[in-house]
C-alpha atoms as a PDB file:
ATOM      1  CA  UNK A   1      -0.087  -0.126   0.089  1.00  0.00           C
ATOM      2  CA  UNK A   2       1.163   3.309  -0.968  1.00  0.00           C
ATOM      3  CA  UNK A   3       0.773   6.070   2.147  1.00  0.00           C
ATOM      4  CA  UNK A   4       1.339   9.625   2.238  1.00  0.00           C
ATOM      5  CA  UNK A   5       0.282  12.045   5.319  1.00  0.00           C
ATOM      6  CA  UNK A   6      -0.693  15.402   5.702  1.00  0.00           C
ATOM      7  CA  UNK A   7      -0.391  17.107   9.267  1.00  0.00           C
ATOM      8  CA  UNK A   8      -3.003  19.757  10.175  1.00  0.00           C
ATOM      9  CA  UNK A   9      -2.310  20.460  13.896  1.00  0.00           C
ATOM     10  CA  UNK A  10      -4.214  17.927  15.830  1.00  0.00           C
ATOM     11  CA  UNK A  11      -5.501  16.333  12.620  1.00  0.00           C
ATOM     12  CA  UNK A  12      -3.204  13.763  10.568  1.00  0.00           C
ATOM     13  CA  UNK A  13      -4.480  13.144   6.948  1.00  0.00           C
ATOM     14  CA  UNK A  14      -3.588   9.640   5.538  1.00  0.00           C
ATOM     15  CA  UNK A  15      -4.217   9.409   1.620  1.00  0.00           C
ATOM     16  CA  UNK A  16      -3.777   5.304   1.038  1.00  0.00           C
ATOM     17  CA  UNK A  17      -3.643   3.243  -2.313  1.00  0.00           C
ATOM     18  CA  UNK A  18      -3.539  -0.035  -2.944  1.00  0.00           C
ATOM     19  CA  UNK A  19      -3.900  -3.261  -0.913  1.00  0.00           C
ATOM     20  CA  UNK A  20      -4.190  -2.513   2.719  1.00  0.00           C
ATOM     21  CA  UNK A  21      -2.666  -5.903   3.765  1.00  0.00           C
ATOM     22  CA  UNK A  22      -0.525  -7.459   6.621  1.00  0.00           C
ATOM     23  CA  UNK A  23       2.589  -6.327   4.611  1.00  0.00           C
ATOM     24  CA  UNK A  24       1.690  -2.762   5.177  1.00  0.00           C
ATOM     25  CA  UNK A  25       0.626  -2.707   8.711  1.00  0.00           C
ATOM     26  CA  UNK A  26       4.051  -2.060  10.355  1.00  0.00           C
ATOM     27  CA  UNK A  27       4.803   1.092   8.349  1.00  0.00           C
ATOM     28  CA  UNK A  28       1.032   2.060   8.945  1.00  0.00           C
ATOM     29  CA  UNK A  29       1.518   1.667  12.633  1.00  0.00           C
ATOM     30  CA  UNK A  30       4.760   2.992  12.773  1.00  0.00           C
ATOM     31  CA  UNK A  31       3.671   6.439  10.898  1.00  0.00           C
ATOM     32  CA  UNK A  32       0.542   6.809  12.935  1.00  0.00           C
ATOM     33  CA  UNK A  33       2.680   6.387  16.117  1.00  0.00           C
ATOM     34  CA  UNK A  34       4.916   9.235  14.688  1.00  0.00           C
ATOM     35  CA  UNK A  35       2.014  11.258  13.844  1.00  0.00           C
ATOM     36  CA  UNK A  36       0.858  10.774  17.745  1.00  0.00           C
ATOM     37  CA  UNK A  37       4.247  11.818  18.986  1.00  0.00           C
ATOM     38  CA  UNK A  38       4.054  14.832  16.800  1.00  0.00           C
ATOM     39  CA  UNK A  39       0.689  15.975  18.425  1.00  0.00           C
ATOM     40  CA  UNK A  40      -2.017  14.676  16.180  1.00  0.00           C
ATOM     41  CA  UNK A  41      -5.177  13.458  18.186  1.00  0.00           C
ATOM     42  CA  UNK A  42      -7.033  12.831  15.267  1.00  0.00           C
ATOM     43  CA  UNK A  43      -6.970  11.161  11.553  1.00  0.00           C
ATOM     44  CA  UNK A  44      -8.795  11.471   8.413  1.00  0.00           C
ATOM     45  CA  UNK A  45      -7.960   8.361   6.297  1.00  0.00           C
ATOM     46  CA  UNK A  46      -8.430   8.720   2.703  1.00  0.00           C
ATOM     47  CA  UNK A  47      -9.514   5.240   1.484  1.00  0.00           C
ATOM     48  CA  UNK A  48     -10.848   6.174  -2.102  1.00  0.00           C
ATOM     49  CA  UNK A  49      -7.801   4.002  -3.650  1.00  0.00           C
ATOM     50  CA  UNK A  50      -7.677   1.477  -1.227  1.00  0.00           C
ATOM     51  CA  UNK A  51      -8.451  -1.806  -3.067  1.00  0.00           C
ATOM     52  CA  UNK A  52      -8.579  -4.439  -0.384  1.00  0.00           C
ATOM     53  CA  UNK A  53      -8.438  -4.577   3.420  1.00  0.00           C
ATOM     54  CA  UNK A  54      -7.541  -7.864   5.054  1.00  0.00           C
ATOM     55  CA  UNK A  55      -7.613  -9.246   8.754  1.00  0.00           C
ATOM     56  CA  UNK A  56      -3.947  -7.666   9.552  1.00  0.00           C
ATOM     57  CA  UNK A  57      -5.299  -4.254   7.889  1.00  0.00           C
ATOM     58  CA  UNK A  58      -8.644  -4.366  10.224  1.00  0.00           C
ATOM     59  CA  UNK A  59      -6.542  -4.802  13.343  1.00  0.00           C
ATOM     60  CA  UNK A  60      -4.483  -1.832  12.532  1.00  0.00           C
ATOM     61  CA  UNK A  61      -7.563   0.091  11.953  1.00  0.00           C
ATOM     62  CA  UNK A  62      -9.036  -1.213  15.549  1.00  0.00           C
ATOM     63  CA  UNK A  63      -5.706  -0.133  17.007  1.00  0.00           C
ATOM     64  CA  UNK A  64      -6.012   3.408  15.546  1.00  0.00           C
ATOM     65  CA  UNK A  65      -9.109   3.814  16.665  1.00  0.00           C
ATOM     66  CA  UNK A  66      -8.850   3.106  20.101  1.00  0.00           C
ATOM     67  CA  UNK A  67      -5.220   5.168  20.104  1.00  0.00           C
ATOM     68  CA  UNK A  68      -7.405   8.324  18.951  1.00  0.00           C
ATOM     69  CA  UNK A  69     -10.165   7.585  21.636  1.00  0.00           C
ATOM     70  CA  UNK A  70      -7.733   7.594  24.178  1.00  0.00           C
ATOM     71  CA  UNK A  71      -5.992  10.668  22.955  1.00  0.00           C
ATOM     72  CA  UNK A  72      -9.383  12.370  22.871  1.00  0.00           C
ATOM     73  CA  UNK A  73      -9.720  12.734  19.091  1.00  0.00           C
ATOM     74  CA  UNK A  74     -11.555  10.907  16.373  1.00  0.00           C
ATOM     75  CA  UNK A  75     -11.172   8.839  13.162  1.00  0.00           C
ATOM     76  CA  UNK A  76     -12.959   9.053   9.966  1.00  0.00           C
ATOM     77  CA  UNK A  77     -12.659   6.847   6.645  1.00  0.00           C
ATOM     78  CA  UNK A  78     -13.122   8.664   3.731  1.00  0.00           C
ATOM     79  CA  UNK A  79     -14.777   6.728   0.666  1.00  0.00           C
ATOM     80  CA  UNK A  80     -13.761   3.221   1.379  1.00  0.00           C
ATOM     81  CA  UNK A  81     -14.271   1.124  -1.238  1.00  0.00           C
ATOM     82  CA  UNK A  82     -16.748  -1.719  -1.685  1.00  0.00           C
ATOM     83  CA  UNK A  83     -13.956  -4.029  -0.662  1.00  0.00           C
ATOM     84  CA  UNK A  84     -13.089  -2.347   2.412  1.00  0.00           C
ATOM     85  CA  UNK A  85     -16.919  -1.675   3.452  1.00  0.00           C
ATOM     86  CA  UNK A  86     -17.580  -5.432   2.812  1.00  0.00           C
ATOM     87  CA  UNK A  87     -14.669  -6.609   5.017  1.00  0.00           C
ATOM     88  CA  UNK A  88     -16.073  -4.166   7.797  1.00  0.00           C
ATOM     89  CA  UNK A  89     -19.316  -5.378   7.412  1.00  0.00           C
ATOM     90  CA  UNK A  90     -18.853  -9.049   7.415  1.00  0.00           C
ATOM     91  CA  UNK A  91     -16.672  -8.644  10.578  1.00  0.00           C
ATOM     92  CA  UNK A  92     -19.427  -6.495  12.080  1.00  0.00           C
ATOM     93  CA  UNK A  93     -16.775  -3.622  12.533  1.00  0.00           C
ATOM     94  CA  UNK A  94     -18.715  -1.401  10.217  1.00  0.00           C
ATOM     95  CA  UNK A  95     -20.236   0.384  13.444  1.00  0.00           C
ATOM     96  CA  UNK A  96     -17.104   1.220  14.668  1.00  0.00           C
ATOM     97  CA  UNK A  97     -16.082   3.424  11.961  1.00  0.00           C
ATOM     98  CA  UNK A  98     -17.505   6.684  10.708  1.00  0.00           C
ATOM     99  CA  UNK A  99     -17.196   7.263   7.144  1.00  0.00           C
ATOM    100  CA  UNK A 100     -17.361  10.500   5.290  1.00  0.00           C
ATOM    101  CA  UNK A 101     -17.952  11.304   1.608  1.00  0.00           C
ATOM    102  CA  UNK A 102     -14.726  13.617   1.549  1.00  0.00           C
ATOM    103  CA  UNK A 103     -11.903  14.742   3.382  1.00  0.00           C
ATOM    104  CA  UNK A 104     -13.633  18.117   3.829  1.00  0.00           C
ATOM    105  CA  UNK A 105     -16.789  16.459   5.152  1.00  0.00           C
ATOM    106  CA  UNK A 106     -14.623  14.264   7.442  1.00  0.00           C
ATOM    107  CA  UNK A 107     -12.844  17.221   8.838  1.00  0.00           C
ATOM    108  CA  UNK A 108     -16.021  19.318   9.466  1.00  0.00           C
ATOM    109  CA  UNK A 109     -17.221  16.515  11.312  1.00  0.00           C
ATOM    110  CA  UNK A 110     -14.528  16.575  13.727  1.00  0.00           C
ATOM    111  CA  UNK A 111     -15.064  20.344  14.735  1.00  0.00           C
END
């Protein structure tokens, strides 16, 4: 999975593309940890171009959700593709993640 990050004060924006699988989780968690260390409390994950999320990816999303809650922040997924939405539905995790239609909408919902 290809990742790029933008820091906006207490909110970190992750733009991801490709398959979010076990191979990408260590890097995902490392970079998210760096964002927390830099002052981020909330995360917007732009998943419009993420084509797959396996069980390791879902565990990483749960970890990030728990860490943001501990930090008093929020987590929003932006435009998760069908395969990601289906993985969340099948594992009964879809209620744990709020989704938005745009990065701007996700950021507005966090205010």
